[in-house]
């Protein structure tokens, strides 16, 4: 799935991060940025931790592609969305999840958002949208192969 997105991923340095497209709000006509930087795989405790971190950064990469405005929602909300999305993705892809690491990271950002009673619902909703977008690179649409006119019956049945 990671390769299927076509995201530019560079390796080097000692921290993982996503660089927004520059100039600001220029995607898809940006001149620089829109890259994920990851430390070398050998710097992670396990292949799973490397992949979970990559999924987190890939969720940030998806932000501009699903109309998520980080400046409108704040940095803490963006981190929650990316981490929840990484958990959703790992689960959907059948990857083992290091729950302790995710729980500690999520708790640190949730603690900073105690003033908003609806933040967790917003974060989960946006994480779901981000996850669906990223999974769309490897999953055929549910209605693929359905004859015209039958699609509404399938959608109604699924509800």
N, C-alpha and C. Protein backbone atom coordinates (compact mmCIF):
# COMPACT_ATOMS: atom_id res chain seq x y z
N UNK A 1 0.82 -1.18 0.00
CA UNK A 1 0.00 0.00 0.00
C UNK A 1 0.87 1.25 0.00
N UNK A 2 1.94 1.23 0.80
CA UNK A 2 2.81 2.40 0.89
C UNK A 2 3.36 2.74 -0.50
N UNK A 3 3.87 1.76 -1.20
CA UNK A 3 4.43 1.99 -2.54
C UNK A 3 3.34 2.42 -3.52
N UNK A 4 2.15 1.85 -3.39
CA UNK A 4 1.06 2.16 -4.31
C UNK A 4 0.64 3.63 -4.26
N UNK A 5 0.84 4.29 -3.14
CA UNK A 5 0.44 5.71 -3.05
C UNK A 5 1.30 6.60 -3.94
N UNK A 6 2.53 6.19 -4.20
CA UNK A 6 3.43 7.02 -4.97
C UNK A 6 4.05 8.15 -4.16
N UNK A 7 3.84 8.14 -2.84
CA UNK A 7 4.41 9.18 -1.98
C UNK A 7 5.93 9.13 -2.05
N UNK A 8 6.54 10.30 -2.08
CA UNK A 8 8.00 10.36 -2.09
C UNK A 8 8.50 10.17 -0.66
N UNK A 9 9.26 9.09 -0.44
CA UNK A 9 9.79 8.78 0.88
C UNK A 9 11.30 8.76 0.80
N UNK A 10 11.92 9.61 1.61
CA UNK A 10 13.38 9.68 1.67
C UNK A 10 13.84 9.07 2.99
N UNK A 11 15.00 8.48 3.00
CA UNK A 11 15.56 7.91 4.22
C UNK A 11 16.82 8.66 4.61
N UNK A 12 16.91 8.97 5.90
CA UNK A 12 18.07 9.66 6.43
C UNK A 12 17.70 10.44 7.67
N UNK A 13 18.68 10.85 8.42
CA UNK A 13 18.42 11.63 9.62
C UNK A 13 17.99 10.76 10.79
N UNK A 14 17.55 11.43 11.84
CA UNK A 14 17.21 10.71 13.06
C UNK A 14 15.76 10.87 13.50
N UNK A 15 14.92 11.44 12.63
CA UNK A 15 13.50 11.55 12.98
C UNK A 15 12.64 11.41 11.75
N UNK A 16 11.40 10.98 11.98
CA UNK A 16 10.43 10.84 10.89
C UNK A 16 9.57 12.10 10.84
N UNK A 17 9.30 12.59 9.63
CA UNK A 17 8.43 13.75 9.49
C UNK A 17 7.93 13.87 8.05
N UNK A 18 6.85 14.63 7.92
CA UNK A 18 6.29 14.95 6.61
C UNK A 18 6.50 16.43 6.36
N UNK A 19 6.99 16.77 5.17
CA UNK A 19 7.19 18.16 4.78
C UNK A 19 6.03 18.57 3.88
N UNK A 20 5.29 19.58 4.32
CA UNK A 20 4.15 20.08 3.54
C UNK A 20 4.60 20.64 2.21
N UNK A 21 3.70 20.62 1.21
CA UNK A 21 4.03 21.25 -0.07
C UNK A 21 4.28 22.75 0.13
N UNK A 22 5.28 23.27 -0.60
CA UNK A 22 5.60 24.69 -0.52
C UNK A 22 5.61 25.29 -1.92
N UNK A 23 5.16 26.50 -2.11
CA UNK A 23 4.62 27.37 -1.07
C UNK A 23 3.33 26.81 -0.48
N UNK A 24 2.96 27.33 0.69
CA UNK A 24 1.79 26.84 1.43
C UNK A 24 0.55 26.81 0.53
N UNK A 25 -0.25 25.79 0.71
CA UNK A 25 -1.52 25.61 -0.01
C UNK A 25 -1.33 25.55 -1.53
N UNK A 26 -0.17 25.09 -1.99
CA UNK A 26 0.10 25.05 -3.42
C UNK A 26 -0.14 23.68 -4.06
N UNK A 27 -0.41 22.65 -3.24
CA UNK A 27 -0.60 21.31 -3.78
C UNK A 27 -1.76 21.30 -4.75
N UNK A 28 -1.70 20.72 -5.91
CA UNK A 28 -0.63 19.88 -6.43
C UNK A 28 0.41 20.63 -7.27
N UNK A 29 0.39 21.93 -7.24
CA UNK A 29 1.31 22.73 -8.06
C UNK A 29 2.48 23.27 -7.24
N UNK A 30 2.93 22.51 -6.27
CA UNK A 30 4.00 22.95 -5.38
C UNK A 30 5.37 22.85 -6.04
N UNK A 31 6.29 23.61 -5.52
CA UNK A 31 7.66 23.61 -6.04
C UNK A 31 8.57 22.71 -5.20
N UNK A 32 8.32 22.63 -3.90
CA UNK A 32 9.12 21.78 -3.01
C UNK A 32 8.20 21.17 -1.96
N UNK A 33 8.78 20.31 -1.15
CA UNK A 33 8.03 19.68 -0.06
C UNK A 33 7.21 18.50 -0.55
N UNK A 34 6.17 18.17 0.20
CA UNK A 34 5.30 17.04 -0.06
C UNK A 34 6.10 15.74 -0.05
N UNK A 35 7.00 15.63 0.93
CA UNK A 35 7.83 14.44 1.06
C UNK A 35 7.79 13.90 2.48
N UNK A 36 7.99 12.62 2.59
CA UNK A 36 8.10 11.96 3.88
C UNK A 36 9.57 11.63 4.08
N UNK A 37 10.09 11.95 5.25
CA UNK A 37 11.46 11.59 5.60
C UNK A 37 11.40 10.58 6.75
N UNK A 38 12.09 9.48 6.57
CA UNK A 38 12.14 8.43 7.58
C UNK A 38 13.60 8.12 7.91
N UNK A 39 13.90 7.88 9.19
CA UNK A 39 15.25 7.37 9.51
C UNK A 39 15.44 6.01 8.84
N UNK A 40 16.67 5.56 8.75
CA UNK A 40 16.95 4.24 8.19
C UNK A 40 16.19 3.17 8.98
N UNK A 41 15.78 2.11 8.32
CA UNK A 41 15.03 1.04 8.99
C UNK A 41 15.79 0.47 10.19
N UNK A 42 17.09 0.45 10.10
CA UNK A 42 17.91 -0.11 11.17
C UNK A 42 17.82 0.71 12.46
N UNK A 43 17.33 1.92 12.40
CA UNK A 43 17.23 2.77 13.59
C UNK A 43 15.97 2.49 14.41
N UNK A 44 15.09 1.65 13.90
CA UNK A 44 13.84 1.32 14.59
C UNK A 44 14.00 0.02 15.36
N UNK A 45 13.24 -0.12 16.45
CA UNK A 45 13.32 -1.31 17.29
C UNK A 45 12.89 -2.58 16.57
N UNK A 46 12.00 -2.43 15.60
CA UNK A 46 11.50 -3.60 14.87
C UNK A 46 10.96 -3.13 13.52
N UNK A 47 10.78 -4.07 12.59
CA UNK A 47 10.16 -3.71 11.31
C UNK A 47 8.74 -3.17 11.49
N UNK A 48 8.03 -3.68 12.50
CA UNK A 48 6.66 -3.21 12.76
C UNK A 48 6.63 -1.75 13.17
N UNK A 49 7.56 -1.36 14.03
CA UNK A 49 7.61 0.04 14.48
C UNK A 49 7.96 0.95 13.30
N UNK A 50 8.87 0.50 12.43
CA UNK A 50 9.19 1.27 11.23
C UNK A 50 7.93 1.47 10.39
N UNK A 51 7.20 0.39 10.12
CA UNK A 51 6.01 0.47 9.27
C UNK A 51 4.92 1.32 9.91
N UNK A 52 4.71 1.19 11.22
CA UNK A 52 3.70 2.00 11.91
C UNK A 52 4.05 3.48 11.81
N UNK A 53 5.32 3.80 11.95
CA UNK A 53 5.76 5.19 11.83
C UNK A 53 5.56 5.70 10.41
N UNK A 54 5.86 4.84 9.45
CA UNK A 54 5.66 5.22 8.05
C UNK A 54 4.16 5.45 7.76
N UNK A 55 3.29 4.64 8.32
CA UNK A 55 1.85 4.83 8.15
C UNK A 55 1.40 6.15 8.78
N UNK A 56 1.97 6.50 9.92
CA UNK A 56 1.65 7.77 10.56
C UNK A 56 2.03 8.93 9.63
N UNK A 57 3.24 8.91 9.11
CA UNK A 57 3.69 9.99 8.22
C UNK A 57 2.92 9.98 6.91
N UNK A 58 2.55 8.82 6.42
CA UNK A 58 1.74 8.73 5.21
C UNK A 58 0.36 9.34 5.44
N UNK A 59 -0.15 9.21 6.66
CA UNK A 59 -1.43 9.84 6.99
C UNK A 59 -1.31 11.37 6.93
N UNK A 60 -0.17 11.90 7.37
CA UNK A 60 0.07 13.35 7.21
C UNK A 60 0.13 13.71 5.72
N UNK A 61 0.78 12.86 4.92
CA UNK A 61 0.87 13.08 3.48
C UNK A 61 -0.52 13.18 2.85
N UNK A 62 -1.45 12.38 3.37
CA UNK A 62 -2.82 12.36 2.83
C UNK A 62 -3.61 13.61 3.18
N UNK A 63 -3.17 14.37 4.19
CA UNK A 63 -3.93 15.54 4.66
C UNK A 63 -4.34 16.46 3.52
N UNK A 64 -3.40 16.88 2.71
CA UNK A 64 -3.73 17.83 1.63
C UNK A 64 -4.60 17.18 0.57
N UNK A 65 -4.55 15.88 0.47
CA UNK A 65 -5.30 15.18 -0.55
C UNK A 65 -6.74 14.91 -0.16
N UNK A 66 -7.06 15.02 1.13
CA UNK A 66 -8.44 14.84 1.60
C UNK A 66 -8.99 16.14 2.18
N UNK A 67 -8.37 17.25 1.80
CA UNK A 67 -8.81 18.59 2.22
C UNK A 67 -8.80 18.79 3.73
N UNK A 68 -7.79 18.25 4.39
CA UNK A 68 -7.62 18.47 5.82
C UNK A 68 -6.74 19.69 6.00
N UNK A 69 -7.26 20.71 6.63
CA UNK A 69 -6.52 21.95 6.83
C UNK A 69 -5.92 21.97 8.22
N UNK A 70 -4.64 21.65 8.32
CA UNK A 70 -3.94 21.58 9.60
C UNK A 70 -4.02 22.91 10.35
N UNK A 71 -3.92 24.03 9.63
CA UNK A 71 -3.94 25.34 10.29
C UNK A 71 -5.31 25.63 10.92
N UNK A 72 -6.36 25.08 10.36
CA UNK A 72 -7.70 25.30 10.90
C UNK A 72 -7.95 24.44 12.15
N UNK A 73 -7.41 23.25 12.18
CA UNK A 73 -7.70 22.32 13.27
C UNK A 73 -6.62 22.23 14.33
N UNK A 74 -5.43 22.71 14.02
CA UNK A 74 -4.35 22.71 15.00
C UNK A 74 -3.43 21.51 14.88
N UNK A 75 -2.24 21.70 15.39
CA UNK A 75 -1.20 20.68 15.32
C UNK A 75 -1.58 19.43 16.10
N UNK A 76 -2.10 19.60 17.32
CA UNK A 76 -2.45 18.44 18.15
C UNK A 76 -3.50 17.57 17.47
N UNK A 77 -4.50 18.20 16.86
CA UNK A 77 -5.54 17.44 16.16
C UNK A 77 -4.92 16.68 14.98
N UNK A 78 -4.00 17.31 14.27
CA UNK A 78 -3.34 16.64 13.15
C UNK A 78 -2.57 15.41 13.60
N UNK A 79 -1.91 15.51 14.75
CA UNK A 79 -1.18 14.36 15.28
C UNK A 79 -2.12 13.24 15.70
N UNK A 80 -3.24 13.60 16.31
CA UNK A 80 -4.23 12.58 16.68
C UNK A 80 -4.76 11.88 15.45
N UNK A 81 -5.13 12.66 14.44
CA UNK A 81 -5.67 12.07 13.21
C UNK A 81 -4.66 11.11 12.59
N UNK A 82 -3.40 11.53 12.48
CA UNK A 82 -2.38 10.68 11.86
C UNK A 82 -2.15 9.40 12.65
N UNK A 83 -2.14 9.51 13.97
CA UNK A 83 -1.88 8.31 14.78
C UNK A 83 -3.07 7.35 14.77
N UNK A 84 -4.27 7.89 14.84
CA UNK A 84 -5.46 7.03 14.77
C UNK A 84 -5.53 6.37 13.40
N UNK A 85 -5.26 7.14 12.36
CA UNK A 85 -5.26 6.59 11.01
C UNK A 85 -4.22 5.49 10.87
N UNK A 86 -3.03 5.68 11.44
CA UNK A 86 -2.00 4.64 11.39
C UNK A 86 -2.49 3.35 12.06
N UNK A 87 -3.20 3.49 13.16
CA UNK A 87 -3.77 2.31 13.84
C UNK A 87 -4.82 1.63 12.97
N UNK A 88 -5.72 2.43 12.39
CA UNK A 88 -6.74 1.88 11.49
C UNK A 88 -6.08 1.14 10.33
N UNK A 89 -5.08 1.77 9.71
CA UNK A 89 -4.40 1.17 8.56
C UNK A 89 -3.72 -0.15 8.94
N UNK A 90 -2.99 -0.14 10.05
CA UNK A 90 -2.31 -1.36 10.48
C UNK A 90 -3.32 -2.48 10.69
N UNK A 91 -4.43 -2.16 11.30
CA UNK A 91 -5.47 -3.16 11.54
C UNK A 91 -6.05 -3.68 10.22
N UNK A 92 -6.39 -2.77 9.33
CA UNK A 92 -6.96 -3.15 8.04
C UNK A 92 -6.00 -3.97 7.19
N UNK A 93 -4.71 -3.70 7.31
CA UNK A 93 -3.71 -4.41 6.53
C UNK A 93 -3.23 -5.69 7.21
N UNK A 94 -3.75 -5.97 8.41
CA UNK A 94 -3.39 -7.19 9.11
C UNK A 94 -2.01 -7.16 9.74
N UNK A 95 -1.53 -5.97 10.03
CA UNK A 95 -0.20 -5.85 10.66
C UNK A 95 -0.33 -5.98 12.16
N UNK A 96 0.67 -6.55 12.80
CA UNK A 96 0.67 -6.53 14.26
C UNK A 96 0.83 -5.08 14.72
N UNK A 97 0.19 -4.74 15.81
CA UNK A 97 0.21 -3.36 16.31
C UNK A 97 0.88 -3.34 17.68
N UNK A 98 1.79 -2.41 17.88
CA UNK A 98 2.41 -2.23 19.20
C UNK A 98 1.55 -1.23 19.98
N UNK A 99 0.55 -1.76 20.65
CA UNK A 99 -0.46 -0.93 21.31
C UNK A 99 0.13 0.03 22.34
N UNK A 100 1.13 -0.40 23.08
CA UNK A 100 1.70 0.46 24.12
C UNK A 100 2.23 1.75 23.52
N UNK A 101 2.92 1.64 22.39
CA UNK A 101 3.48 2.82 21.73
C UNK A 101 2.37 3.75 21.25
N UNK A 102 1.35 3.20 20.61
CA UNK A 102 0.24 4.02 20.13
C UNK A 102 -0.51 4.66 21.28
N UNK A 103 -0.78 3.89 22.31
CA UNK A 103 -1.53 4.41 23.45
C UNK A 103 -0.81 5.58 24.11
N UNK A 104 0.48 5.46 24.30
CA UNK A 104 1.25 6.54 24.93
C UNK A 104 1.25 7.78 24.06
N UNK A 105 1.41 7.60 22.76
CA UNK A 105 1.44 8.75 21.84
C UNK A 105 0.07 9.43 21.80
N UNK A 106 -1.00 8.63 21.69
CA UNK A 106 -2.35 9.20 21.66
C UNK A 106 -2.68 9.92 22.96
N UNK A 107 -2.28 9.34 24.09
CA UNK A 107 -2.57 9.97 25.38
C UNK A 107 -1.91 11.34 25.48
N UNK A 108 -0.69 11.45 24.99
CA UNK A 108 0.00 12.74 25.09
C UNK A 108 -0.74 13.82 24.32
N UNK A 109 -1.32 13.50 23.16
CA UNK A 109 -2.05 14.50 22.39
C UNK A 109 -3.47 14.70 22.92
N UNK A 110 -4.09 13.64 23.42
CA UNK A 110 -5.44 13.78 24.00
C UNK A 110 -5.40 14.66 25.24
N UNK A 111 -4.36 14.53 26.05
CA UNK A 111 -4.24 15.37 27.25
C UNK A 111 -4.25 16.85 26.91
N UNK A 112 -3.70 17.19 25.77
CA UNK A 112 -3.65 18.59 25.37
C UNK A 112 -4.94 19.11 24.78
N UNK A 113 -5.95 18.26 24.62
CA UNK A 113 -7.19 18.68 23.99
C UNK A 113 -8.39 18.53 24.93
N UNK A 114 -8.16 18.57 26.22
CA UNK A 114 -9.22 18.36 27.19
C UNK A 114 -10.31 19.44 27.16
N UNK A 115 -9.99 20.60 26.61
CA UNK A 115 -10.97 21.69 26.58
C UNK A 115 -12.07 21.48 25.55
N UNK A 116 -11.89 20.55 24.64
CA UNK A 116 -12.87 20.31 23.59
C UNK A 116 -13.50 18.94 23.78
N UNK A 117 -14.80 18.92 24.00
CA UNK A 117 -15.46 17.64 24.25
C UNK A 117 -15.69 16.82 22.98
N UNK A 118 -15.62 17.44 21.83
CA UNK A 118 -15.91 16.71 20.59
C UNK A 118 -14.65 16.37 19.79
N UNK A 119 -13.48 16.72 20.32
CA UNK A 119 -12.25 16.54 19.54
C UNK A 119 -12.01 15.10 19.14
N UNK A 120 -12.30 14.14 20.01
CA UNK A 120 -12.00 12.75 19.69
C UNK A 120 -12.90 12.25 18.55
N UNK A 121 -14.14 12.73 18.51
CA UNK A 121 -15.05 12.34 17.43
C UNK A 121 -14.58 12.93 16.10
N UNK A 122 -14.14 14.17 16.13
CA UNK A 122 -13.61 14.81 14.93
C UNK A 122 -12.35 14.09 14.46
N UNK A 123 -11.47 13.77 15.39
CA UNK A 123 -10.22 13.10 15.04
C UNK A 123 -10.49 11.72 14.43
N UNK A 124 -11.38 10.95 15.03
CA UNK A 124 -11.70 9.62 14.52
C UNK A 124 -12.36 9.69 13.15
N UNK A 125 -13.24 10.65 12.96
CA UNK A 125 -13.91 10.82 11.67
C UNK A 125 -12.90 11.16 10.58
N UNK A 126 -12.01 12.09 10.87
CA UNK A 126 -11.01 12.47 9.87
C UNK A 126 -10.01 11.33 9.64
N UNK A 127 -9.67 10.60 10.68
CA UNK A 127 -8.77 9.45 10.53
C UNK A 127 -9.41 8.39 9.64
N UNK A 128 -10.70 8.19 9.78
CA UNK A 128 -11.41 7.23 8.95
C UNK A 128 -11.37 7.66 7.48
N UNK A 129 -11.59 8.94 7.23
CA UNK A 129 -11.55 9.48 5.87
C UNK A 129 -10.13 9.31 5.29
N UNK A 130 -9.13 9.60 6.09
CA UNK A 130 -7.73 9.47 5.66
C UNK A 130 -7.41 8.01 5.36
N UNK A 131 -7.84 7.11 6.23
CA UNK A 131 -7.61 5.68 6.04
C UNK A 131 -8.27 5.19 4.75
N UNK A 132 -9.51 5.57 4.53
CA UNK A 132 -10.21 5.15 3.32
C UNK A 132 -9.47 5.64 2.08
N UNK A 133 -8.99 6.88 2.12
CA UNK A 133 -8.24 7.42 0.99
C UNK A 133 -6.99 6.59 0.72
N UNK A 134 -6.22 6.31 1.76
CA UNK A 134 -4.97 5.55 1.58
C UNK A 134 -5.24 4.11 1.13
N UNK A 135 -6.26 3.50 1.67
CA UNK A 135 -6.59 2.13 1.27
C UNK A 135 -7.12 2.06 -0.16
N UNK A 136 -7.64 3.18 -0.68
CA UNK A 136 -8.17 3.19 -2.04
C UNK A 136 -7.08 2.91 -3.08
N UNK A 137 -5.81 3.06 -2.71
CA UNK A 137 -4.72 2.77 -3.64
C UNK A 137 -4.55 1.28 -3.87
N UNK A 138 -5.05 0.46 -2.96
CA UNK A 138 -4.86 -0.99 -3.09
C UNK A 138 -6.14 -1.80 -3.07
N UNK A 139 -7.24 -1.16 -2.84
CA UNK A 139 -8.51 -1.89 -2.81
C UNK A 139 -9.41 -1.43 -3.93
N UNK A 140 -9.93 -2.37 -4.69
CA UNK A 140 -10.87 -1.97 -5.74
C UNK A 140 -12.14 -1.43 -5.09
N UNK A 141 -12.80 -0.57 -5.81
CA UNK A 141 -14.05 -0.03 -5.27
C UNK A 141 -15.02 -1.17 -5.05
N UNK A 142 -15.82 -1.03 -4.00
CA UNK A 142 -16.76 -2.12 -3.63
C UNK A 142 -17.77 -2.39 -4.73
N UNK A 143 -18.04 -1.38 -5.55
CA UNK A 143 -19.06 -1.57 -6.59
C UNK A 143 -18.46 -1.98 -7.92
N UNK A 144 -17.15 -2.22 -7.99
CA UNK A 144 -16.52 -2.61 -9.24
C UNK A 144 -17.11 -3.92 -9.74
N UNK A 145 -17.44 -3.97 -11.00
CA UNK A 145 -17.99 -5.17 -11.59
C UNK A 145 -19.49 -5.30 -11.46
N UNK A 146 -20.14 -4.34 -10.85
CA UNK A 146 -21.60 -4.38 -10.70
C UNK A 146 -22.21 -3.68 -11.91
N UNK A 147 -23.21 -4.29 -12.46
CA UNK A 147 -23.89 -3.71 -13.62
C UNK A 147 -24.55 -2.39 -13.25
N UNK A 148 -24.64 -1.49 -14.23
CA UNK A 148 -25.30 -0.21 -14.01
C UNK A 148 -26.73 -0.45 -13.57
N UNK A 149 -27.21 0.28 -12.58
CA UNK A 149 -28.55 0.12 -12.06
C UNK A 149 -28.59 -0.79 -10.84
N UNK A 150 -27.64 -1.72 -10.73
CA UNK A 150 -27.60 -2.60 -9.59
C UNK A 150 -26.86 -1.96 -8.42
N UNK A 151 -26.08 -0.91 -8.70
CA UNK A 151 -25.24 -0.29 -7.67
C UNK A 151 -26.08 0.23 -6.49
N UNK A 152 -27.20 0.87 -6.76
CA UNK A 152 -28.01 1.42 -5.68
C UNK A 152 -28.59 0.31 -4.81
N UNK A 153 -28.90 -0.84 -5.40
CA UNK A 153 -29.41 -1.96 -4.61
C UNK A 153 -28.33 -2.50 -3.68
N UNK A 154 -27.09 -2.55 -4.18
CA UNK A 154 -25.98 -3.04 -3.36
C UNK A 154 -25.73 -2.08 -2.21
N UNK A 155 -25.73 -0.80 -2.48
CA UNK A 155 -25.51 0.22 -1.44
C UNK A 155 -26.63 0.14 -0.41
N UNK A 156 -27.88 0.01 -0.85
CA UNK A 156 -29.00 -0.06 0.08
C UNK A 156 -28.91 -1.32 0.94
N UNK A 157 -28.48 -2.44 0.36
CA UNK A 157 -28.34 -3.68 1.10
C UNK A 157 -27.24 -3.56 2.15
N UNK A 158 -26.16 -2.86 1.80
CA UNK A 158 -25.04 -2.70 2.74
C UNK A 158 -25.42 -1.87 3.95
N UNK A 159 -26.39 -1.00 3.81
CA UNK A 159 -26.82 -0.16 4.93
C UNK A 159 -27.67 -0.95 5.82
